[in-house]
Amino acid sequence: MKDHSEALAAKRQALLAAGVEMMDPAAVYVEDTVTVGAGTLLLPGTILRGDTVVGPNCQIGPNVMLTGCTVGEGTTINASQCEESQIGPNCQIGPYTHIRPHCVVGEGSKIGAFVQLKNCNLGVGTKMAHLTYVGDSDVGDNCNFGCGTVTCNYDGFQKHRTTIGSNVFVGCNTNFVPPVTVGDGAFIAAATTVTEDIPGDAMVIGRARQQVKEGWAAANREKKGKK
């Protein structure tokens, strides 16, 4: 146990000597197999494991665990967990993002709160701000995913893949039921369930039409003896 602690302390000292910054070195765990570039700041609660490589001028933490990941220059990862994936330069990840194995996140992408990625490829500048699950998918450049988007990749027996082109707008509460392909520049209205391919530059909407029944709520309260 003492030898392990000494090895961790030696690794931290080597990183500090190489230009890596740490707010509280004792609160950072870095395995000997990890590489970190100069100018990167490791905040408390950072855990770097396996063959992780973090580029220069990044900010990792607080409370981040990276296992077998590659992180490009200038990327920020906050309060998140990433495994066996590649994260490009100048990305913003977290807080509370989970990137599962076999993901590639393109340069300048933003993956936000309560987003989970699994076995997917994201292009440059794609944004998923919150509450989204994207699995077994290929996504192009400069796409915007609204809150509550889900790829329904598992049918109970096997996984299916979703393919989304570049410059696609995905409205809130969209469900993709793959295998489906979305062309470049498509616009998907909020609350749509996508079950068929969408051509490029098309707009698709798939939800029930709103009905307004005036006075219904007041009559219902009266019926139930509520004021």
C-alpha atoms as a PDB file:
ATOM      1  CA  MET A   1       0.000   0.000   0.000  1.00  0.00           C
ATOM      2  CA  LYS A   2       2.871   2.321   0.854  1.00  0.00           C
ATOM      3  CA  ASP A   3       4.586   1.580  -2.468  1.00  0.00           C
ATOM      4  CA  HIS A   4       1.344   2.370  -4.327  1.00  0.00           C
ATOM      5  CA  SER A   5       0.929   5.690  -2.515  1.00  0.00           C
ATOM      6  CA  GLU A   6       4.542   6.586  -3.202  1.00  0.00           C
ATOM      7  CA  ALA A   7       4.092   5.761  -6.902  1.00  0.00           C
ATOM      8  CA  LEU A   8       1.016   8.001  -7.114  1.00  0.00           C
ATOM      9  CA  ALA A   9       2.860  10.837  -5.384  1.00  0.00           C
ATOM     10  CA  ALA A  10       5.818  10.417  -7.739  1.00  0.00           C
ATOM     11  CA  LYS A  11       3.495  10.519 -10.768  1.00  0.00           C
ATOM     12  CA  ARG A  12       1.891  13.743  -9.529  1.00  0.00           C
ATOM     13  CA  GLN A  13       5.277  15.331  -8.961  1.00  0.00           C
ATOM     14  CA  ALA A  14       6.416  14.338 -12.444  1.00  0.00           C
ATOM     15  CA  LEU A  15       3.313  15.902 -13.985  1.00  0.00           C
ATOM     16  CA  LEU A  16       3.766  19.094 -11.982  1.00  0.00           C
ATOM     17  CA  ALA A  17       7.385  19.313 -13.109  1.00  0.00           C
ATOM     18  CA  ALA A  18       6.197  18.903 -16.721  1.00  0.00           C
ATOM     19  CA  GLY A  19       3.846  21.885 -16.494  1.00  0.00           C
ATOM     20  CA  VAL A  20       0.574  20.241 -15.435  1.00  0.00           C
ATOM     21  CA  GLU A  21      -1.347  22.278 -12.857  1.00  0.00           C
ATOM     22  CA  MET A  22      -3.213  20.878  -9.843  1.00  0.00           C
ATOM     23  CA  MET A  23      -5.281  22.889  -7.399  1.00  0.00           C
ATOM     24  CA  ASP A  24      -4.845  20.186  -4.727  1.00  0.00           C
ATOM     25  CA  PRO A  25      -2.386  17.480  -5.793  1.00  0.00           C
ATOM     26  CA  ALA A  26      -3.390  15.160  -2.950  1.00  0.00           C
ATOM     27  CA  ALA A  27      -6.969  15.089  -4.329  1.00  0.00           C
ATOM     28  CA  VAL A  28      -5.875  13.904  -7.789  1.00  0.00           C
ATOM     29  CA  TYR A  29      -5.373  10.234  -8.759  1.00  0.00           C
ATOM     30  CA  VAL A  30      -3.301   9.586 -11.885  1.00  0.00           C
ATOM     31  CA  GLU A  31      -2.049   6.143 -12.835  1.00  0.00           C
ATOM     32  CA  ASP A  32       1.493   5.802 -14.123  1.00  0.00           C
ATOM     33  CA  THR A  33       0.287   4.830 -17.623  1.00  0.00           C
ATOM     34  CA  VAL A  34      -1.501   8.185 -18.116  1.00  0.00           C
ATOM     35  CA  THR A  35      -0.138  11.091 -20.171  1.00  0.00           C
ATOM     36  CA  VAL A  36      -1.165  14.714 -19.511  1.00  0.00           C
ATOM     37  CA  GLY A  37      -0.106  17.737 -21.561  1.00  0.00           C
ATOM     38  CA  ALA A  38       1.438  20.917 -20.196  1.00  0.00           C
ATOM     39  CA  GLY A  39      -0.916  23.686 -19.162  1.00  0.00           C
ATOM     40  CA  THR A  40      -3.727  21.303 -18.252  1.00  0.00           C
ATOM     41  CA  LEU A  41      -5.424  21.910 -14.917  1.00  0.00           C
ATOM     42  CA  LEU A  42      -6.479  18.867 -12.888  1.00  0.00           C
ATOM     43  CA  LEU A  43      -9.091  19.849 -10.312  1.00  0.00           C
ATOM     44  CA  PRO A  44      -9.896  17.922  -7.099  1.00  0.00           C
ATOM     45  CA  GLY A  45     -11.610  14.583  -7.550  1.00  0.00           C
ATOM     46  CA  THR A  46      -9.959  13.878 -10.914  1.00  0.00           C
ATOM     47  CA  ILE A  47      -9.189  10.183 -11.559  1.00  0.00           C
ATOM     48  CA  LEU A  48      -7.201   9.299 -14.685  1.00  0.00           C
ATOM     49  CA  ARG A  49      -6.784   5.593 -15.403  1.00  0.00           C
ATOM     50  CA  GLY A  50      -5.381   3.168 -17.947  1.00  0.00           C
ATOM     51  CA  ASP A  51      -3.896   4.475 -21.158  1.00  0.00           C
ATOM     52  CA  THR A  52      -5.659   7.841 -20.933  1.00  0.00           C
ATOM     53  CA  VAL A  53      -4.022  10.688 -22.835  1.00  0.00           C
ATOM     54  CA  VAL A  54      -5.048  14.268 -22.022  1.00  0.00           C
ATOM     55  CA  GLY A  55      -3.812  17.000 -24.324  1.00  0.00           C
ATOM     56  CA  PRO A  56      -2.379  20.378 -23.305  1.00  0.00           C
ATOM     57  CA  ASN A  57      -4.379  23.304 -21.941  1.00  0.00           C
ATOM     58  CA  CYS A  58      -7.370  21.248 -20.829  1.00  0.00           C
ATOM     59  CA  GLN A  59      -9.372  21.540 -17.624  1.00  0.00           C
ATOM     60  CA  ILE A  60     -10.347  18.216 -16.065  1.00  0.00           C
ATOM     61  CA  GLY A  61     -12.580  18.113 -12.990  1.00  0.00           C
ATOM     62  CA  PRO A  62     -13.764  18.509 -10.433  1.00  0.00           C
ATOM     63  CA  ASN A  63     -14.983  14.935  -9.943  1.00  0.00           C
ATOM     64  CA  VAL A  64     -14.082  13.396 -13.301  1.00  0.00           C
ATOM     65  CA  MET A  65     -13.049   9.815 -14.060  1.00  0.00           C
ATOM     66  CA  LEU A  66     -11.428   9.035 -17.410  1.00  0.00           C
ATOM     67  CA  THR A  67     -10.568   5.428 -18.239  1.00  0.00           C
ATOM     68  CA  GLY A  68      -8.705   4.665 -21.443  1.00  0.00           C
ATOM     69  CA  CYS A  69      -9.683   7.948 -23.101  1.00  0.00           C
ATOM     70  CA  THR A  70      -7.988  10.384 -25.450  1.00  0.00           C
ATOM     71  CA  VAL A  71      -8.803  14.054 -24.851  1.00  0.00           C
ATOM     72  CA  GLY A  72      -7.832  16.783 -27.318  1.00  0.00           C
ATOM     73  CA  GLU A  73      -6.236  20.120 -26.571  1.00  0.00           C
ATOM     74  CA  GLY A  74      -8.297  22.794 -24.869  1.00  0.00           C
ATOM     75  CA  THR A  75     -11.157  20.519 -23.808  1.00  0.00           C
ATOM     76  CA  THR A  76     -13.050  20.980 -20.541  1.00  0.00           C
ATOM     77  CA  ILE A  77     -14.565  17.990 -18.714  1.00  0.00           C
ATOM     78  CA  ASN A  78     -16.559  18.728 -15.574  1.00  0.00           C
ATOM     79  CA  ALA A  79     -18.090  16.198 -13.144  1.00  0.00           C
ATOM     80  CA  SER A  80     -18.361  13.416 -15.717  1.00  0.00           C
ATOM     81  CA  GLN A  81     -17.291   9.855 -16.478  1.00  0.00           C
ATOM     82  CA  CYS A  82     -15.792   8.745 -19.800  1.00  0.00           C
ATOM     83  CA  GLU A  83     -14.599   5.308 -20.834  1.00  0.00           C
ATOM     84  CA  GLU A  84     -12.538   4.056 -23.788  1.00  0.00           C
ATOM     85  CA  SER A  85     -13.485   6.943 -26.058  1.00  0.00           C
ATOM     86  CA  GLN A  86     -11.938   9.774 -28.059  1.00  0.00           C
ATOM     87  CA  ILE A  87     -12.895  13.361 -27.237  1.00  0.00           C
ATOM     88  CA  GLY A  88     -11.699  15.976 -29.682  1.00  0.00           C
ATOM     89  CA  PRO A  89     -10.080  19.343 -29.013  1.00  0.00           C
ATOM     90  CA  ASN A  90     -11.988  22.342 -27.659  1.00  0.00           C
ATOM     91  CA  CYS A  91     -14.971  20.299 -26.468  1.00  0.00           C
ATOM     92  CA  GLN A  92     -17.113  21.057 -23.430  1.00  0.00           C
ATOM     93  CA  ILE A  93     -18.205  17.941 -21.558  1.00  0.00           C
ATOM     94  CA  GLY A  94     -20.483  17.913 -18.496  1.00  0.00           C
ATOM     95  CA  PRO A  95     -21.467  18.293 -15.873  1.00  0.00           C
ATOM     96  CA  TYR A  96     -22.957  14.828 -15.306  1.00  0.00           C
ATOM     97  CA  THR A  97     -22.166  13.416 -18.739  1.00  0.00           C
ATOM     98  CA  HIS A  98     -21.528   9.704 -19.206  1.00  0.00           C
ATOM     99  CA  ILE A  99     -19.552   8.736 -22.291  1.00  0.00           C
ATOM    100  CA  ARG A 100     -19.510   4.960 -22.572  1.00  0.00           C
ATOM    101  CA  PRO A 101     -17.004   2.932 -24.622  1.00  0.00           C
ATOM    102  CA  HIS A 102     -16.396   3.279 -28.360  1.00  0.00           C
ATOM    103  CA  CYS A 103     -17.429   6.904 -28.799  1.00  0.00           C
ATOM    104  CA  VAL A 104     -15.778   9.602 -30.879  1.00  0.00           C
ATOM    105  CA  VAL A 105     -16.734  13.198 -30.044  1.00  0.00           C
ATOM    106  CA  GLY A 106     -15.768  15.708 -32.718  1.00  0.00           C
ATOM    107  CA  GLU A 107     -13.896  18.957 -32.239  1.00  0.00           C
ATOM    108  CA  GLY A 108     -15.805  21.778 -30.579  1.00  0.00           C
ATOM    109  CA  SER A 109     -18.754  19.630 -29.542  1.00  0.00           C
ATOM    110  CA  LYS A 110     -20.769  20.366 -26.401  1.00  0.00           C
ATOM    111  CA  ILE A 111     -22.133  17.424 -24.431  1.00  0.00           C
ATOM    112  CA  GLY A 112     -24.015  18.586 -21.366  1.00  0.00           C
ATOM    113  CA  ALA A 113     -25.893  17.602 -18.243  1.00  0.00           C
ATOM    114  CA  PHE A 114     -27.360  14.108 -18.026  1.00  0.00           C
ATOM    115  CA  VAL A 115     -26.355  13.134 -21.563  1.00  0.00           C
ATOM    116  CA  GLN A 116     -25.223   9.568 -22.170  1.00  0.00           C
ATOM    117  CA  LEU A 117     -23.345   8.475 -25.295  1.00  0.00           C
ATOM    118  CA  LYS A 118     -22.643   4.861 -26.232  1.00  0.00           C
ATOM    119  CA  ASN A 119     -20.871   3.439 -29.287  1.00  0.00           C
ATOM    120  CA  CYS A 120     -21.428   6.526 -31.408  1.00  0.00           C
ATOM    121  CA  ASN A 121     -19.542   8.969 -33.612  1.00  0.00           C
ATOM    122  CA  LEU A 122     -20.242  12.695 -33.420  1.00  0.00           C
ATOM    123  CA  GLY A 123     -18.993  15.209 -35.954  1.00  0.00           C
ATOM    124  CA  VAL A 124     -17.514  18.650 -35.414  1.00  0.00           C
ATOM    125  CA  GLY A 125     -19.478  21.216 -33.411  1.00  0.00           C
ATOM    126  CA  THR A 126     -22.446  19.036 -32.511  1.00  0.00           C
ATOM    127  CA  LYS A 127     -24.382  20.039 -29.392  1.00  0.00           C
ATOM    128  CA  MET A 128     -26.400  17.982 -26.911  1.00  0.00           C
ATOM    129  CA  ALA A 129     -27.054  20.259 -23.963  1.00  0.00           C
ATOM    130  CA  HIS A 130     -29.038  18.039 -21.609  1.00  0.00           C
ATOM    131  CA  LEU A 131     -31.139  14.944 -20.900  1.00  0.00           C
ATOM    132  CA  THR A 132     -30.327  12.979 -24.051  1.00  0.00           C
ATOM    133  CA  TYR A 133     -29.352   9.397 -24.859  1.00  0.00           C
ATOM    134  CA  VAL A 134     -27.529   8.674 -28.115  1.00  0.00           C
ATOM    135  CA  GLY A 135     -26.404   5.089 -28.632  1.00  0.00           C
ATOM    136  CA  ASP A 136     -25.242   3.102 -31.663  1.00  0.00           C
ATOM    137  CA  SER A 137     -25.367   6.215 -33.819  1.00  0.00           C
ATOM    138  CA  ASP A 138     -23.407   8.202 -36.385  1.00  0.00           C
ATOM    139  CA  VAL A 139     -24.024  11.951 -36.255  1.00  0.00           C
ATOM    140  CA  GLY A 140     -22.606  14.610 -38.583  1.00  0.00           C
ATOM    141  CA  ASP A 141     -21.276  18.108 -38.022  1.00  0.00           C
ATOM    142  CA  ASN A 142     -23.061  21.054 -36.398  1.00  0.00           C
ATOM    143  CA  CYS A 143     -26.169  19.213 -35.259  1.00  0.00           C
ATOM    144  CA  ASN A 144     -28.285  20.485 -32.369  1.00  0.00           C
ATOM    145  CA  PHE A 145     -30.157  18.025 -30.152  1.00  0.00           C
ATOM    146  CA  GLY A 146     -33.013  19.292 -28.010  1.00  0.00           C
ATOM    147  CA  CYS A 147     -33.677  18.137 -24.466  1.00  0.00           C
ATOM    148  CA  GLY A 148     -35.147  14.656 -24.087  1.00  0.00           C
ATOM    149  CA  THR A 149     -33.890  13.160 -27.358  1.00  0.00           C
ATOM    150  CA  VAL A 150     -33.565   9.366 -27.329  1.00  0.00           C
ATOM    151  CA  THR A 151     -32.236   6.843 -29.815  1.00  0.00           C
ATOM    152  CA  CYS A 152     -34.299   3.700 -29.232  1.00  0.00           C
ATOM    153  CA  ASN A 153     -31.442   1.459 -30.301  1.00  0.00           C
ATOM    154  CA  TYR A 154     -32.526  -1.832 -28.679  1.00  0.00           C
ATOM    155  CA  ASP A 155     -35.667  -3.707 -29.742  1.00  0.00           C
ATOM    156  CA  GLY A 156     -35.402  -6.366 -27.058  1.00  0.00           C
ATOM    157  CA  PHE A 157     -33.384  -8.708 -29.257  1.00  0.00           C
ATOM    158  CA  GLN A 158     -30.683  -6.735 -31.092  1.00  0.00           C
ATOM    159  CA  LYS A 159     -29.187  -3.268 -31.456  1.00  0.00           C
ATOM    160  CA  HIS A 160     -29.936  -1.024 -34.448  1.00  0.00           C
ATOM    161  CA  ARG A 161     -28.046   2.013 -35.708  1.00  0.00           C
ATOM    162  CA  THR A 162     -29.238   5.586 -36.266  1.00  0.00           C
ATOM    163  CA  THR A 163     -27.532   7.729 -38.909  1.00  0.00           C
ATOM    164  CA  ILE A 164     -27.943  11.516 -38.791  1.00  0.00           C
ATOM    165  CA  GLY A 165     -26.346  13.871 -41.305  1.00  0.00           C
ATOM    166  CA  SER A 166     -24.836  17.304 -40.751  1.00  0.00           C
ATOM    167  CA  ASN A 167     -26.640  20.526 -39.809  1.00  0.00           C
ATOM    168  CA  VAL A 168     -29.667  18.652 -38.493  1.00  0.00           C
ATOM    169  CA  PHE A 169     -31.962  20.274 -35.908  1.00  0.00           C
ATOM    170  CA  VAL A 170     -33.529  17.771 -33.511  1.00  0.00           C
ATOM    171  CA  GLY A 171     -36.428  19.174 -31.496  1.00  0.00           C
ATOM    172  CA  CYS A 172     -37.052  18.371 -27.843  1.00  0.00           C
ATOM    173  CA  ASN A 173     -38.508  14.969 -26.923  1.00  0.00           C
ATOM    174  CA  THR A 174     -37.651  13.354 -30.250  1.00  0.00           C
ATOM    175  CA  ASN A 175     -37.423   9.559 -30.432  1.00  0.00           C
ATOM    176  CA  PHE A 176     -35.463   7.776 -33.157  1.00  0.00           C
ATOM    177  CA  VAL A 177     -36.588   4.193 -33.792  1.00  0.00           C
ATOM    178  CA  PRO A 178     -33.764   2.732 -35.885  1.00  0.00           C
ATOM    179  CA  PRO A 179     -32.631   1.708 -38.304  1.00  0.00           C
ATOM    180  CA  VAL A 180     -33.312   5.190 -39.666  1.00  0.00           C
ATOM    181  CA  THR A 181     -31.281   7.702 -41.665  1.00  0.00           C
ATOM    182  CA  VAL A 182     -31.707  11.492 -41.469  1.00  0.00           C
ATOM    183  CA  GLY A 183     -30.376  13.585 -44.351  1.00  0.00           C
ATOM    184  CA  ASP A 184     -28.272  16.743 -44.071  1.00  0.00           C
ATOM    185  CA  GLY A 185     -30.097  19.894 -43.044  1.00  0.00           C
ATOM    186  CA  ALA A 186     -33.292  18.182 -41.892  1.00  0.00           C
ATOM    187  CA  PHE A 187     -35.515  19.784 -39.248  1.00  0.00           C
ATOM    188  CA  ILE A 188     -37.308  17.517 -36.762  1.00  0.00           C
ATOM    189  CA  ALA A 189     -40.163  19.107 -34.837  1.00  0.00           C
ATOM    190  CA  ALA A 190     -40.432  18.650 -31.078  1.00  0.00           C
ATOM    191  CA  ALA A 191     -42.156  15.498 -29.793  1.00  0.00           C
ATOM    192  CA  THR A 192     -41.686  13.609 -33.064  1.00  0.00           C
ATOM    193  CA  THR A 193     -41.077   9.868 -33.190  1.00  0.00           C
ATOM    194  CA  VAL A 194     -38.954   9.103 -36.234  1.00  0.00           C
ATOM    195  CA  THR A 195     -39.639   5.646 -37.697  1.00  0.00           C
ATOM    196  CA  GLU A 196     -38.769   6.240 -41.362  1.00  0.00           C
ATOM    197  CA  ASP A 197     -35.860   7.827 -43.219  1.00  0.00           C
ATOM    198  CA  ILE A 198     -35.916  11.630 -43.583  1.00  0.00           C
ATOM    199  CA  PRO A 199     -34.532  13.242 -46.756  1.00  0.00           C
ATOM    200  CA  GLY A 200     -32.128  16.157 -46.583  1.00  0.00           C
ATOM    201  CA  ASP A 201     -33.544  19.626 -45.896  1.00  0.00           C
ATOM    202  CA  ALA A 202     -36.978  18.170 -45.065  1.00  0.00           C
ATOM    203  CA  MET A 203     -39.103  19.039 -42.066  1.00  0.00           C
ATOM    204  CA  VAL A 204     -40.778  16.144 -40.254  1.00  0.00           C
ATOM    205  CA  ILE A 205     -43.449  16.272 -37.575  1.00  0.00           C
ATOM    206  CA  GLY A 206     -45.111  13.278 -35.973  1.00  0.00           C
ATOM    207  CA  ARG A 207     -47.359  14.079 -33.056  1.00  0.00           C
ATOM    208  CA  ALA A 208     -51.073  14.308 -32.264  1.00  0.00           C
ATOM    209  CA  ARG A 209     -52.807  17.544 -33.217  1.00  0.00           C
ATOM    210  CA  GLN A 210     -53.677  19.758 -30.244  1.00  0.00           C
ATOM    211  CA  GLN A 211     -57.347  19.968 -29.251  1.00  0.00           C
ATOM    212  CA  VAL A 212     -58.784  22.689 -27.021  1.00  0.00           C
ATOM    213  CA  LYS A 213     -62.035  21.921 -25.150  1.00  0.00           C
ATOM    214  CA  GLU A 214     -63.088  25.198 -23.592  1.00  0.00           C
ATOM    215  CA  GLY A 215     -64.612  25.003 -20.137  1.00  0.00           C
ATOM    216  CA  TRP A 216     -63.759  21.320 -19.714  1.00  0.00           C
ATOM    217  CA  ALA A 217     -61.465  21.817 -16.709  1.00  0.00           C
ATOM    218  CA  ALA A 218     -64.012  23.924 -14.778  1.00  0.00           C
ATOM    219  CA  ALA A 219     -66.787  21.413 -15.502  1.00  0.00           C
ATOM    220  CA  ASN A 220     -64.558  18.551 -14.383  1.00  0.00           C
ATOM    221  CA  ARG A 221     -63.770  20.300 -11.085  1.00  0.00           C
ATOM    222  CA  GLU A 222     -67.481  20.937 -10.470  1.00  0.00           C
ATOM    223  CA  LYS A 223     -68.300  17.315 -11.271  1.00  0.00           C
ATOM    224  CA  LYS A 224     -65.809  16.144  -8.690  1.00  0.00           C
ATOM    225  CA  GLY A 225     -66.801  18.687  -6.077  1.00  0.00           C
ATOM    226  CA  LYS A 226     -63.601  20.662  -6.316  1.00  0.00           C
ATOM    227  CA  LYS A 227     -63.454  24.422  -6.347  1.00  0.00           C
END
